[in-house]
Amino acid sequence: MDKSDAEPKSPGHKFMQSTFKMADELKVGFLGGGNMAKAIARGFITSEMVKAENIIASATTTKTLAVWKVKS
């Protein structure tokens, strides 16, 4: 018996495989770079669902935009 056959796979196994592929392909943009957008972006990066370089945000003030530029 093959070792891969002996180990049960979790119900989310295929989802997790596609999630890892998604990190290379998925791009996310935010209309507004406020606290909510920063929190969501941080979650995407921490969970490795989206690479930091694949996240963009718009901002109405240069102060807010500067925070996003520093984080990239």
N, C-alpha and C. Protein backbone atom coordinates (compact mmCIF):
# COMPACT_ATOMS: atom_id res chain seq x y z
N MET A 1 0.84 -1.18 0.00
CA MET A 1 0.00 0.00 0.00
C MET A 1 0.89 1.24 0.00
N ASP A 2 0.53 2.20 -0.83
CA ASP A 2 1.26 3.46 -0.92
C ASP A 2 1.02 4.28 0.34
N LYS A 3 2.06 4.98 0.83
CA LYS A 3 1.93 5.78 2.05
C LYS A 3 0.84 6.84 1.92
N SER A 4 0.71 7.44 0.74
CA SER A 4 -0.31 8.47 0.55
C SER A 4 -1.71 7.90 0.66
N ASP A 5 -1.87 6.61 0.36
CA ASP A 5 -3.18 5.96 0.49
C ASP A 5 -3.51 5.70 1.96
N ALA A 6 -2.50 5.48 2.78
CA ALA A 6 -2.71 5.14 4.18
C ALA A 6 -3.11 6.36 5.01
N GLU A 7 -2.67 7.55 4.62
CA GLU A 7 -2.97 8.73 5.40
C GLU A 7 -4.28 9.35 4.93
N PRO A 8 -5.24 9.51 5.86
CA PRO A 8 -6.50 10.13 5.46
C PRO A 8 -6.29 11.61 5.15
N LYS A 9 -6.99 12.10 4.18
CA LYS A 9 -6.88 13.51 3.82
C LYS A 9 -8.03 14.28 4.47
N SER A 10 -7.73 15.49 4.90
CA SER A 10 -8.76 16.31 5.52
C SER A 10 -9.76 16.77 4.47
N PRO A 11 -10.98 17.13 4.87
CA PRO A 11 -11.98 17.59 3.90
C PRO A 11 -11.52 18.83 3.13
N GLY A 12 -10.70 19.65 3.74
CA GLY A 12 -10.24 20.87 3.09
C GLY A 12 -8.94 20.72 2.33
N HIS A 13 -8.49 19.47 2.15
CA HIS A 13 -7.20 19.21 1.52
C HIS A 13 -7.07 19.88 0.15
N LYS A 14 -8.06 19.67 -0.72
CA LYS A 14 -7.99 20.25 -2.06
C LYS A 14 -8.07 21.77 -2.00
N PHE A 15 -8.88 22.28 -1.07
CA PHE A 15 -8.99 23.73 -0.92
C PHE A 15 -7.64 24.32 -0.53
N MET A 16 -6.95 23.68 0.41
CA MET A 16 -5.66 24.19 0.86
C MET A 16 -4.63 24.14 -0.26
N GLN A 17 -4.67 23.10 -1.08
CA GLN A 17 -3.75 23.04 -2.21
C GLN A 17 -4.00 24.20 -3.15
N SER A 18 -5.27 24.50 -3.42
CA SER A 18 -5.57 25.60 -4.33
C SER A 18 -5.25 26.94 -3.68
N THR A 19 -5.35 27.02 -2.36
CA THR A 19 -5.02 28.26 -1.66
C THR A 19 -3.54 28.58 -1.82
N PHE A 20 -2.68 27.58 -1.73
CA PHE A 20 -1.26 27.82 -1.88
C PHE A 20 -0.95 28.31 -3.29
N LYS A 21 -1.62 27.77 -4.28
CA LYS A 21 -1.43 28.24 -5.65
C LYS A 21 -1.96 29.66 -5.79
N MET A 22 -3.03 29.97 -5.06
CA MET A 22 -3.67 31.27 -5.16
C MET A 22 -2.72 32.39 -4.74
N ALA A 23 -1.85 32.15 -3.78
CA ALA A 23 -0.94 33.18 -3.29
C ALA A 23 -0.07 33.73 -4.41
N ASP A 24 0.25 32.91 -5.38
CA ASP A 24 1.07 33.36 -6.50
C ASP A 24 0.26 34.15 -7.52
N GLU A 25 -1.02 33.90 -7.59
CA GLU A 25 -1.85 34.46 -8.66
C GLU A 25 -2.78 35.58 -8.23
N LEU A 26 -3.29 35.52 -7.02
CA LEU A 26 -4.32 36.45 -6.57
C LEU A 26 -3.75 37.84 -6.35
N LYS A 27 -4.49 38.84 -6.85
CA LYS A 27 -4.15 40.24 -6.62
C LYS A 27 -5.35 40.91 -5.98
N VAL A 28 -5.09 41.78 -5.00
CA VAL A 28 -6.16 42.42 -4.26
C VAL A 28 -5.94 43.92 -4.27
N GLY A 29 -7.00 44.67 -4.49
CA GLY A 29 -6.94 46.13 -4.43
C GLY A 29 -7.98 46.66 -3.47
N PHE A 30 -7.67 47.73 -2.79
CA PHE A 30 -8.58 48.35 -1.85
C PHE A 30 -8.89 49.77 -2.31
N LEU A 31 -10.17 50.12 -2.29
CA LEU A 31 -10.58 51.49 -2.54
C LEU A 31 -10.63 52.17 -1.18
N GLY A 32 -9.59 52.86 -0.88
CA GLY A 32 -9.43 53.46 0.45
C GLY A 32 -8.42 52.64 1.23
N GLY A 33 -7.46 53.30 1.80
CA GLY A 33 -6.38 52.61 2.51
C GLY A 33 -6.43 52.79 4.00
N GLY A 34 -7.63 52.87 4.56
CA GLY A 34 -7.77 53.10 5.99
C GLY A 34 -7.50 51.87 6.84
N ASN A 35 -7.92 51.96 8.10
CA ASN A 35 -7.63 50.91 9.08
C ASN A 35 -8.21 49.55 8.68
N MET A 36 -9.43 49.54 8.14
CA MET A 36 -10.05 48.27 7.75
C MET A 36 -9.25 47.61 6.63
N ALA A 37 -8.88 48.38 5.62
CA ALA A 37 -8.10 47.84 4.51
C ALA A 37 -6.75 47.32 4.99
N LYS A 38 -6.12 48.05 5.90
CA LYS A 38 -4.82 47.60 6.43
C LYS A 38 -4.96 46.30 7.20
N ALA A 39 -6.03 46.17 7.98
CA ALA A 39 -6.25 44.95 8.75
C ALA A 39 -6.50 43.75 7.84
N ILE A 40 -7.31 43.95 6.82
CA ILE A 40 -7.59 42.86 5.87
C ILE A 40 -6.33 42.48 5.12
N ALA A 41 -5.58 43.47 4.66
CA ALA A 41 -4.33 43.20 3.93
C ALA A 41 -3.35 42.44 4.81
N ARG A 42 -3.23 42.85 6.06
CA ARG A 42 -2.34 42.17 7.00
C ARG A 42 -2.75 40.71 7.17
N GLY A 43 -4.07 40.46 7.24
CA GLY A 43 -4.57 39.10 7.36
C GLY A 43 -4.23 38.26 6.13
N PHE A 44 -4.40 38.85 4.94
CA PHE A 44 -4.05 38.14 3.71
C PHE A 44 -2.57 37.77 3.69
N ILE A 45 -1.73 38.71 4.09
CA ILE A 45 -0.28 38.48 4.06
C ILE A 45 0.12 37.45 5.12
N THR A 46 -0.40 37.59 6.32
CA THR A 46 -0.07 36.68 7.42
C THR A 46 -0.49 35.25 7.11
N SER A 47 -1.67 35.10 6.50
CA SER A 47 -2.17 33.76 6.18
C SER A 47 -1.55 33.22 4.89
N GLU A 48 -0.74 34.05 4.24
CA GLU A 48 -0.07 33.69 2.99
C GLU A 48 -1.04 33.41 1.85
N MET A 49 -2.23 34.01 1.93
CA MET A 49 -3.20 33.87 0.84
C MET A 49 -2.84 34.78 -0.32
N VAL A 50 -2.24 35.92 0.00
CA VAL A 50 -1.85 36.90 -1.02
C VAL A 50 -0.47 37.42 -0.66
N LYS A 51 0.39 37.51 -1.65
CA LYS A 51 1.72 38.09 -1.43
C LYS A 51 1.58 39.60 -1.26
N ALA A 52 2.43 40.18 -0.44
CA ALA A 52 2.39 41.62 -0.18
C ALA A 52 2.52 42.43 -1.46
N GLU A 53 3.36 41.98 -2.39
CA GLU A 53 3.55 42.73 -3.62
C GLU A 53 2.33 42.67 -4.55
N ASN A 54 1.35 41.83 -4.21
CA ASN A 54 0.13 41.72 -5.01
C ASN A 54 -1.04 42.47 -4.40
N ILE A 55 -0.76 43.34 -3.44
CA ILE A 55 -1.81 44.13 -2.78
C ILE A 55 -1.58 45.60 -3.09
N ILE A 56 -2.64 46.27 -3.53
CA ILE A 56 -2.56 47.71 -3.79
C ILE A 56 -3.73 48.41 -3.10
N ALA A 57 -3.57 49.69 -2.87
CA ALA A 57 -4.64 50.47 -2.24
C ALA A 57 -4.63 51.88 -2.78
N SER A 58 -5.82 52.45 -2.85
CA SER A 58 -5.93 53.86 -3.20
C SER A 58 -6.08 54.64 -1.89
N ALA A 59 -5.74 55.90 -1.94
CA ALA A 59 -5.88 56.75 -0.75
C ALA A 59 -6.13 58.18 -1.19
N THR A 60 -6.95 58.88 -0.42
CA THR A 60 -7.26 60.28 -0.77
C THR A 60 -6.25 61.26 -0.19
N THR A 61 -5.49 60.82 0.80
CA THR A 61 -4.48 61.71 1.38
C THR A 61 -3.09 61.13 1.18
N THR A 62 -2.12 62.00 1.07
CA THR A 62 -0.73 61.54 0.91
C THR A 62 -0.24 60.87 2.19
N LYS A 63 -0.79 61.27 3.34
CA LYS A 63 -0.39 60.66 4.62
C LYS A 63 -0.77 59.17 4.63
N THR A 64 -2.00 58.86 4.23
CA THR A 64 -2.45 57.47 4.19
C THR A 64 -1.68 56.70 3.14
N LEU A 65 -1.47 57.29 2.00
CA LEU A 65 -0.74 56.62 0.92
C LEU A 65 0.70 56.31 1.35
N ALA A 66 1.30 57.20 2.10
CA ALA A 66 2.67 57.00 2.56
C ALA A 66 2.79 55.76 3.44
N VAL A 67 1.78 55.49 4.25
CA VAL A 67 1.80 54.31 5.12
C VAL A 67 1.83 53.05 4.26
N TRP A 68 1.07 53.02 3.18
CA TRP A 68 1.04 51.86 2.29
C TRP A 68 2.35 51.70 1.54
N LYS A 69 2.97 52.78 1.16
CA LYS A 69 4.25 52.70 0.43
C LYS A 69 5.35 52.14 1.31
N VAL A 70 5.35 52.50 2.58
CA VAL A 70 6.36 52.01 3.52
C VAL A 70 6.21 50.51 3.73
N LYS A 71 4.97 50.03 3.78
CA LYS A 71 4.72 48.62 4.05
C LYS A 71 5.06 47.74 2.87
N SER A 72 5.15 48.28 1.67
CA SER A 72 5.41 47.46 0.48
C SER A 72 6.85 47.16 0.28
